[in-house]
Amino acid sequence: MDLRNCVKCGRAFAYKGIDICNRCAHDDEADFKKVKEYLYDHPGATLQEVSEETEVSEKQILRYLRESRIEIREESNCLLHCERCEKSIRSGRFCNECVAEMRKEFSSVLKPQSEATPKEKPRTGTKMHIAGMRKKL
């Protein structure tokens, strides 16, 4: 078990891929719901408006944008930039063109499964391994 300290409150917790503890994750989810509901009622609101009205920090709202949980309505708003080419984006970390290029690059590096593993002999028995190990009564 990997123990870490929560980046929000500092408490120790069992790390499961997220840098915050369960209590802070629950609070974070509640903040996200407030932002989501506000945006549903006020589409096109600015980052500052959403932050002021929901009392959720701008940094958290930008994280929701980076996680693609919410999206900027207008492309002219330059809050986010692709981490690869610096093009203005509406949500996430990369623009669609860079995502397509990276997929192509990754697929050319990774070998197809059929080439990576040698061919196995076909199984002839119908018993499972554990069944052959049982003692006969």
Protein backbone atom coordinates (compact mmCIF):
# COMPACT_ATOMS: atom_id res chain seq x y z
CA MET A 1 0.00 0.00 0.00
CA ASP A 2 1.39 3.37 -1.01
CA LEU A 3 0.82 6.07 1.64
CA ARG A 4 0.93 9.72 0.63
CA ASN A 5 -0.07 13.06 2.06
CA CYS A 6 -3.11 14.80 0.61
CA VAL A 7 -2.08 17.87 -1.39
CA LYS A 8 -5.11 19.78 -0.07
CA CYS A 9 -5.29 18.97 3.65
CA GLY A 10 -2.00 17.19 4.36
CA ARG A 11 -3.55 14.04 5.89
CA ALA A 12 -1.98 10.67 5.11
CA PHE A 13 -4.06 8.40 2.88
CA ALA A 14 -3.78 5.26 0.75
CA TYR A 15 -2.84 6.48 -2.74
CA LYS A 16 -5.13 5.23 -5.52
CA GLY A 17 -4.00 7.37 -8.44
CA ILE A 18 -5.35 10.71 -7.19
CA ASP A 19 -3.25 13.09 -5.08
CA ILE A 20 -6.08 13.93 -2.67
CA CYS A 21 -7.69 11.92 0.12
CA ASN A 22 -11.25 10.56 -0.03
CA ARG A 23 -12.67 13.40 2.10
CA CYS A 24 -11.09 16.07 -0.12
CA ALA A 25 -12.14 14.15 -3.25
CA HIS A 26 -15.74 14.24 -1.98
CA ASP A 27 -15.45 18.01 -1.39
CA ASP A 28 -13.88 18.44 -4.84
CA GLU A 29 -16.77 16.56 -6.44
CA ALA A 30 -19.24 18.82 -4.62
CA ASP A 31 -17.37 21.87 -5.98
CA PHE A 32 -17.49 20.42 -9.48
CA LYS A 33 -21.26 19.94 -9.20
CA LYS A 34 -21.64 23.60 -8.17
CA VAL A 35 -19.60 24.71 -11.20
CA LYS A 36 -21.49 22.39 -13.54
CA GLU A 37 -24.90 23.58 -12.29
CA TYR A 38 -23.86 27.24 -12.55
CA LEU A 39 -22.65 26.73 -16.12
CA TYR A 40 -25.86 24.91 -16.99
CA ASP A 41 -27.88 27.92 -15.78
CA HIS A 42 -25.41 30.53 -17.12
CA PRO A 43 -23.82 29.24 -20.36
CA GLY A 44 -20.96 31.37 -21.59
CA ALA A 45 -20.05 32.74 -18.15
CA THR A 46 -16.44 33.83 -17.69
CA LEU A 47 -13.94 32.09 -15.44
CA GLN A 48 -14.08 34.96 -12.95
CA GLU A 49 -17.89 34.95 -12.83
CA VAL A 50 -18.05 31.22 -12.23
CA SER A 51 -15.40 31.44 -9.53
CA GLU A 52 -17.09 34.32 -7.72
CA GLU A 53 -20.60 32.87 -7.87
CA THR A 54 -19.69 29.29 -6.91
CA GLU A 55 -16.85 30.17 -4.50
CA VAL A 56 -14.65 27.62 -6.30
CA SER A 57 -11.11 28.79 -7.06
CA GLU A 58 -10.10 29.64 -10.61
CA LYS A 59 -7.29 27.10 -10.29
CA GLN A 60 -9.82 24.31 -9.61
CA ILE A 61 -12.00 25.39 -12.52
CA LEU A 62 -8.95 25.36 -14.82
CA ARG A 63 -8.17 21.84 -13.58
CA TYR A 64 -11.71 20.75 -14.52
CA LEU A 65 -11.08 22.19 -17.99
CA ARG A 66 -7.74 20.33 -18.28
CA GLU A 67 -9.47 17.11 -17.20
CA SER A 68 -12.08 17.68 -19.97
CA ARG A 69 -14.87 17.66 -17.41
CA ILE A 70 -16.11 21.03 -18.65
CA GLU A 71 -15.49 22.92 -21.87
CA ILE A 72 -15.03 26.54 -22.93
CA ARG A 73 -17.96 27.55 -25.08
CA GLU A 74 -16.20 29.99 -27.40
CA GLU A 75 -12.93 29.18 -29.14
CA SER A 76 -11.86 32.83 -29.07
CA ASN A 77 -11.33 32.61 -25.29
CA CYS A 78 -7.63 31.77 -24.83
CA LEU A 79 -7.60 30.20 -21.37
CA LEU A 80 -6.12 26.88 -22.43
CA HIS A 81 -3.36 26.01 -24.86
CA CYS A 82 -2.28 22.68 -26.30
CA GLU A 83 0.71 21.41 -24.32
CA ARG A 84 2.37 20.28 -27.54
CA CYS A 85 1.80 23.03 -30.14
CA GLU A 86 0.41 25.93 -28.02
CA LYS A 87 -2.78 26.18 -30.13
CA SER A 88 -5.82 27.53 -28.26
CA ILE A 89 -8.14 24.72 -27.10
CA ARG A 90 -11.53 24.46 -25.39
CA SER A 91 -10.73 21.66 -22.92
CA GLY A 92 -8.22 18.93 -22.19
CA ARG A 93 -4.45 19.06 -22.62
CA PHE A 94 -3.94 18.65 -26.38
CA CYS A 95 -5.65 19.85 -29.56
CA ASN A 96 -7.37 17.33 -31.85
CA GLU A 97 -4.56 17.47 -34.41
CA CYS A 98 -1.87 16.67 -31.82
CA VAL A 99 -3.98 13.85 -30.38
CA ALA A 100 -4.26 12.31 -33.87
CA GLU A 101 -0.50 12.71 -34.46
CA MET A 102 0.36 11.15 -31.08
CA ARG A 103 -1.96 8.21 -31.71
CA LYS A 104 -0.24 7.63 -35.04
CA GLU A 105 3.21 7.87 -33.43
CA PHE A 106 2.26 5.52 -30.58
CA SER A 107 0.73 2.96 -32.91
CA SER A 108 3.85 2.93 -35.09
CA VAL A 109 6.04 2.28 -32.02
CA LEU A 110 3.85 -0.43 -30.53
CA LYS A 111 3.88 -3.75 -32.35
CA PRO A 112 0.60 -5.51 -33.07
CA GLN A 113 -0.22 -8.18 -30.49
CA SER A 114 0.13 -11.02 -33.00
CA GLU A 115 3.75 -10.08 -33.76
CA ALA A 116 4.72 -9.41 -30.14
CA THR A 117 3.91 -12.86 -28.73
CA PRO A 118 4.99 -16.17 -30.22
CA LYS A 119 2.28 -18.57 -31.30
CA GLU A 120 1.12 -20.89 -28.53
CA LYS A 121 0.35 -24.56 -28.94
CA PRO A 122 -3.37 -25.22 -28.98
CA ARG A 123 -4.64 -26.81 -25.78
CA THR A 124 -5.92 -30.32 -26.12
CA GLY A 125 -7.19 -31.10 -22.61
CA THR A 126 -10.54 -30.07 -21.24
CA LYS A 127 -9.55 -30.05 -17.57
CA MET A 128 -8.55 -26.96 -15.69
CA HIS A 129 -5.22 -27.09 -13.89
CA ILE A 130 -6.73 -27.09 -10.42
CA ALA A 131 -9.04 -30.02 -11.26
CA GLY A 132 -6.06 -32.23 -12.13
CA MET A 133 -4.49 -31.45 -8.76
CA ARG A 134 -7.48 -32.59 -6.65
CA LYS A 135 -7.20 -35.84 -4.75
CA LYS A 136 -9.70 -38.45 -5.69
CA LEU A 137 -11.86 -39.59 -2.80
